[in-house]
């Protein structure tokens, strides 16, 4: 099944993962990875929640009209959005991928 057929199958944005398979976009995954970066950067719960809420809205707005997008593109958007809030947190997010 081609990627465009997979995107239609999901009925949402198809996230093309590093190994080539597709997954439906899940804002909860974006929020979770953002929250992990915030908390790993020693930000408090409330501040982390506020930042992640804003970041998720931005990412969802960026990809809402796309049929598919690579997970790497979402990663780059996340780094860019996180840098707007806290450079240490963005660094944590960016380097966490290298060790996981």
N, C-alpha and C. Protein backbone atom coordinates (compact mmCIF):
# COMPACT_ATOMS: atom_id res chain seq x y z
N UNK A 1 0.85 -1.17 0.00
CA UNK A 1 0.00 0.00 0.00
C UNK A 1 0.89 1.23 0.00
N UNK A 2 0.69 2.15 -0.93
CA UNK A 2 1.48 3.38 -1.02
C UNK A 2 1.16 4.33 0.12
N UNK A 3 2.01 5.29 0.31
CA UNK A 3 1.82 6.23 1.42
C UNK A 3 0.53 7.02 1.28
N UNK A 4 0.18 7.47 0.06
CA UNK A 4 -1.05 8.25 -0.10
C UNK A 4 -2.27 7.41 0.25
N UNK A 5 -2.25 6.11 -0.07
CA UNK A 5 -3.36 5.23 0.31
C UNK A 5 -3.40 5.07 1.82
N UNK A 6 -2.23 4.99 2.45
CA UNK A 6 -2.19 4.88 3.91
C UNK A 6 -2.77 6.13 4.55
N UNK A 7 -2.44 7.31 3.99
CA UNK A 7 -2.96 8.56 4.54
C UNK A 7 -4.48 8.57 4.45
N UNK A 8 -5.05 8.12 3.34
CA UNK A 8 -6.51 8.06 3.21
C UNK A 8 -7.09 7.05 4.20
N UNK A 9 -6.40 5.96 4.41
CA UNK A 9 -6.86 4.93 5.34
C UNK A 9 -7.00 5.50 6.74
N UNK A 10 -6.04 6.33 7.16
CA UNK A 10 -6.08 6.92 8.49
C UNK A 10 -7.14 8.01 8.59
N UNK A 11 -7.41 8.71 7.49
CA UNK A 11 -8.38 9.79 7.53
C UNK A 11 -7.84 11.02 8.24
N UNK A 12 -6.60 10.97 8.65
CA UNK A 12 -5.93 12.07 9.34
C UNK A 12 -4.59 12.28 8.67
N UNK A 13 -3.77 13.08 9.30
CA UNK A 13 -2.42 13.26 8.82
C UNK A 13 -1.64 11.98 9.07
N UNK A 14 -0.96 11.51 8.04
CA UNK A 14 -0.14 10.31 8.13
C UNK A 14 1.28 10.73 8.49
N UNK A 15 1.78 10.24 9.60
CA UNK A 15 3.15 10.52 10.02
C UNK A 15 4.02 9.39 9.47
N UNK A 16 4.94 9.74 8.58
CA UNK A 16 5.85 8.75 8.01
C UNK A 16 7.03 8.63 8.97
N UNK A 17 7.13 7.48 9.60
CA UNK A 17 8.14 7.24 10.61
C UNK A 17 9.50 6.95 9.96
N UNK A 18 10.56 6.91 10.76
CA UNK A 18 11.91 6.72 10.24
C UNK A 18 12.07 5.43 9.45
N UNK A 19 11.35 4.40 9.79
CA UNK A 19 11.47 3.12 9.07
C UNK A 19 10.52 3.02 7.88
N UNK A 20 9.76 4.09 7.61
CA UNK A 20 8.93 4.14 6.41
C UNK A 20 7.46 3.82 6.61
N UNK A 21 7.07 3.34 7.77
CA UNK A 21 5.65 3.04 7.98
C UNK A 21 4.91 4.31 8.42
N UNK A 22 3.59 4.28 8.29
CA UNK A 22 2.77 5.44 8.65
C UNK A 22 2.01 5.19 9.94
N UNK A 23 1.83 6.27 10.67
CA UNK A 23 0.97 6.27 11.86
C UNK A 23 0.12 7.52 11.79
N UNK A 24 -1.07 7.43 12.33
CA UNK A 24 -1.93 8.61 12.40
C UNK A 24 -1.33 9.61 13.39
N UNK A 25 -1.46 10.89 13.09
CA UNK A 25 -0.96 11.93 13.99
C UNK A 25 -1.70 11.84 15.32
N UNK A 26 -0.95 11.90 16.39
CA UNK A 26 -1.51 11.85 17.73
C UNK A 26 -0.90 12.98 18.55
N UNK A 27 -1.70 14.00 18.80
CA UNK A 27 -1.21 15.16 19.54
C UNK A 27 -0.71 14.78 20.93
N UNK A 28 -1.25 13.70 21.49
CA UNK A 28 -0.81 13.27 22.82
C UNK A 28 0.67 12.87 22.82
N UNK A 29 1.15 12.33 21.70
CA UNK A 29 2.57 11.96 21.61
C UNK A 29 3.45 13.21 21.59
N UNK A 30 2.99 14.23 20.88
CA UNK A 30 3.72 15.51 20.84
C UNK A 30 3.76 16.10 22.24
N UNK A 31 2.61 16.10 22.90
CA UNK A 31 2.53 16.64 24.26
C UNK A 31 3.45 15.86 25.20
N UNK A 32 3.42 14.55 25.11
CA UNK A 32 4.23 13.71 25.99
C UNK A 32 5.72 13.95 25.82
N UNK A 33 6.16 14.06 24.58
CA UNK A 33 7.60 14.28 24.37
C UNK A 33 7.99 15.69 24.81
N UNK A 34 7.10 16.65 24.63
CA UNK A 34 7.35 18.01 25.10
C UNK A 34 7.42 18.03 26.63
N UNK A 35 6.48 17.37 27.25
CA UNK A 35 6.42 17.35 28.72
C UNK A 35 7.68 16.69 29.31
N UNK A 36 8.12 15.61 28.70
CA UNK A 36 9.35 14.95 29.15
C UNK A 36 10.54 15.91 29.07
N UNK A 37 10.63 16.64 27.96
CA UNK A 37 11.74 17.60 27.80
C UNK A 37 11.66 18.71 28.85
N UNK A 38 10.46 19.20 29.10
CA UNK A 38 10.29 20.26 30.10
C UNK A 38 10.70 19.78 31.49
N UNK A 39 10.18 18.64 31.87
CA UNK A 39 10.46 18.14 33.21
C UNK A 39 11.92 17.73 33.36
N UNK A 40 12.52 17.24 32.28
CA UNK A 40 13.94 16.88 32.31
C UNK A 40 14.82 18.12 32.42
N UNK A 41 14.26 19.26 32.04
CA UNK A 41 14.97 20.53 32.15
C UNK A 41 14.63 21.22 33.46
N UNK A 42 14.00 20.50 34.37
CA UNK A 42 13.67 20.96 35.72
C UNK A 42 12.64 22.08 35.76
N UNK A 43 11.76 22.12 34.77
CA UNK A 43 10.65 23.07 34.83
C UNK A 43 9.54 22.44 35.67
N UNK A 44 8.76 23.26 36.32
CA UNK A 44 7.67 22.77 37.15
C UNK A 44 6.52 22.22 36.32
N UNK A 45 5.61 21.53 36.99
CA UNK A 45 4.47 20.91 36.30
C UNK A 45 3.60 21.92 35.58
N UNK A 46 3.23 22.98 36.27
CA UNK A 46 2.33 23.97 35.69
C UNK A 46 2.97 24.67 34.49
N UNK A 47 4.21 25.07 34.66
CA UNK A 47 4.92 25.73 33.55
C UNK A 47 5.08 24.76 32.37
N UNK A 48 5.40 23.51 32.65
CA UNK A 48 5.54 22.50 31.61
C UNK A 48 4.23 22.31 30.86
N UNK A 49 3.12 22.23 31.60
CA UNK A 49 1.82 22.05 30.97
C UNK A 49 1.45 23.23 30.07
N UNK A 50 1.74 24.44 30.52
CA UNK A 50 1.44 25.63 29.72
C UNK A 50 2.25 25.64 28.43
N UNK A 51 3.53 25.36 28.55
CA UNK A 51 4.41 25.35 27.37
C UNK A 51 3.97 24.26 26.39
N UNK A 52 3.71 23.07 26.90
CA UNK A 52 3.34 21.95 26.02
C UNK A 52 2.00 22.18 25.33
N UNK A 53 1.10 22.82 26.02
CA UNK A 53 -0.19 23.14 25.41
C UNK A 53 0.02 24.08 24.22
N UNK A 54 0.84 25.10 24.41
CA UNK A 54 1.13 26.05 23.32
C UNK A 54 1.86 25.37 22.16
N UNK A 55 2.85 24.55 22.49
CA UNK A 55 3.63 23.86 21.46
C UNK A 55 2.73 22.92 20.66
N UNK A 56 1.88 22.17 21.33
CA UNK A 56 0.97 21.25 20.64
C UNK A 56 0.03 21.98 19.69
N UNK A 57 -0.49 23.11 20.13
CA UNK A 57 -1.37 23.90 19.27
C UNK A 57 -0.62 24.37 18.04
N UNK A 58 0.61 24.81 18.21
CA UNK A 58 1.41 25.27 17.08
C UNK A 58 1.70 24.14 16.09
N UNK A 59 2.11 22.99 16.61
CA UNK A 59 2.42 21.85 15.75
C UNK A 59 1.17 21.39 15.02
N UNK A 60 0.06 21.29 15.71
CA UNK A 60 -1.20 20.86 15.08
C UNK A 60 -1.62 21.83 14.00
N UNK A 61 -1.43 23.12 14.23
CA UNK A 61 -1.77 24.14 13.23
C UNK A 61 -0.88 24.00 12.00
N UNK A 62 0.39 23.71 12.21
CA UNK A 62 1.35 23.58 11.11
C UNK A 62 0.99 22.40 10.21
N UNK A 63 0.57 21.30 10.80
CA UNK A 63 0.37 20.08 10.00
C UNK A 63 -1.07 19.81 9.61
N UNK A 64 -2.02 20.62 10.07
CA UNK A 64 -3.44 20.28 9.90
C UNK A 64 -3.88 20.11 8.45
N UNK A 65 -3.29 20.79 7.50
CA UNK A 65 -3.71 20.69 6.11
C UNK A 65 -2.84 19.74 5.29
N UNK A 66 -1.99 19.01 5.94
CA UNK A 66 -1.12 18.07 5.23
C UNK A 66 -1.75 16.69 5.24
N UNK A 67 -1.48 15.92 4.20
CA UNK A 67 -1.93 14.53 4.16
C UNK A 67 -0.92 13.64 4.84
N UNK A 68 0.37 13.98 4.68
CA UNK A 68 1.42 13.23 5.34
C UNK A 68 2.60 14.15 5.60
N UNK A 69 3.37 13.76 6.60
CA UNK A 69 4.55 14.51 6.98
C UNK A 69 5.50 13.52 7.67
N UNK A 70 6.77 13.76 7.55
CA UNK A 70 7.73 12.84 8.19
C UNK A 70 7.85 13.16 9.67
N UNK A 71 8.18 12.14 10.43
CA UNK A 71 8.40 12.35 11.87
C UNK A 71 9.60 13.28 12.07
N UNK A 72 10.54 13.26 11.16
CA UNK A 72 11.70 14.15 11.26
C UNK A 72 11.28 15.61 11.10
N UNK A 73 10.32 15.88 10.22
CA UNK A 73 9.82 17.25 10.06
C UNK A 73 9.14 17.72 11.34
N UNK A 74 8.35 16.85 11.94
CA UNK A 74 7.69 17.21 13.20
C UNK A 74 8.75 17.47 14.26
N UNK A 75 9.78 16.63 14.28
CA UNK A 75 10.88 16.82 15.22
C UNK A 75 11.49 18.22 15.07
N UNK A 76 11.76 18.62 13.84
CA UNK A 76 12.35 19.94 13.60
C UNK A 76 11.41 21.07 14.01
N UNK A 77 10.12 20.92 13.73
CA UNK A 77 9.14 21.92 14.18
C UNK A 77 9.12 22.00 15.70
N UNK A 78 9.20 20.85 16.35
CA UNK A 78 9.20 20.82 17.82
C UNK A 78 10.40 21.57 18.39
N UNK A 79 11.57 21.31 17.84
CA UNK A 79 12.77 22.00 18.32
C UNK A 79 12.61 23.50 18.15
N UNK A 80 12.12 23.91 17.00
CA UNK A 80 11.93 25.34 16.74
C UNK A 80 10.95 25.96 17.74
N UNK A 81 9.84 25.27 17.98
CA UNK A 81 8.84 25.79 18.92
C UNK A 81 9.36 25.81 20.35
N UNK A 82 10.09 24.78 20.74
CA UNK A 82 10.61 24.74 22.11
C UNK A 82 11.65 25.83 22.36
N UNK A 83 12.43 26.15 21.33
CA UNK A 83 13.44 27.22 21.48
C UNK A 83 12.78 28.56 21.79
N UNK A 84 11.56 28.75 21.36
CA UNK A 84 10.84 29.99 21.65
C UNK A 84 10.56 30.14 23.14
N UNK A 85 10.50 29.02 23.83
CA UNK A 85 10.15 29.02 25.25
C UNK A 85 11.35 28.87 26.17
N UNK A 86 12.27 27.97 25.80
CA UNK A 86 13.42 27.71 26.67
C UNK A 86 14.48 26.95 25.88
N UNK A 87 15.64 27.54 25.74
CA UNK A 87 16.70 26.93 24.94
C UNK A 87 17.24 25.64 25.55
N UNK A 88 17.31 25.57 26.89
CA UNK A 88 17.77 24.35 27.54
C UNK A 88 16.81 23.19 27.29
N UNK A 89 15.54 23.50 27.37
CA UNK A 89 14.52 22.48 27.12
C UNK A 89 14.60 21.99 25.68
N UNK A 90 14.78 22.90 24.74
CA UNK A 90 14.91 22.53 23.33
C UNK A 90 16.13 21.63 23.13
N UNK A 91 17.21 21.96 23.82
CA UNK A 91 18.41 21.13 23.74
C UNK A 91 18.14 19.73 24.28
N UNK A 92 17.42 19.65 25.39
CA UNK A 92 17.08 18.35 25.98
C UNK A 92 16.25 17.52 25.00
N UNK A 93 15.29 18.15 24.38
CA UNK A 93 14.45 17.45 23.42
C UNK A 93 15.27 16.97 22.22
N UNK A 94 16.10 17.85 21.72
CA UNK A 94 16.89 17.55 20.52
C UNK A 94 17.91 16.43 20.77
N UNK A 95 18.53 16.44 21.93
CA UNK A 95 19.57 15.43 22.19
C UNK A 95 18.98 14.13 22.73
N UNK A 96 17.80 14.16 23.30
CA UNK A 96 17.16 12.94 23.80
C UNK A 96 16.97 11.94 22.66
N UNK A 97 16.67 12.44 21.49
CA UNK A 97 16.45 11.57 20.33
C UNK A 97 17.70 10.78 19.99
N UNK A 98 18.86 11.39 20.22
CA UNK A 98 20.12 10.73 19.90
C UNK A 98 20.43 9.56 20.81
N UNK A 99 19.90 9.59 22.04
CA UNK A 99 20.23 8.53 22.98
C UNK A 99 19.10 7.52 23.16
N UNK A 100 17.95 7.80 22.57
CA UNK A 100 16.84 6.86 22.76
C UNK A 100 16.75 5.88 21.61
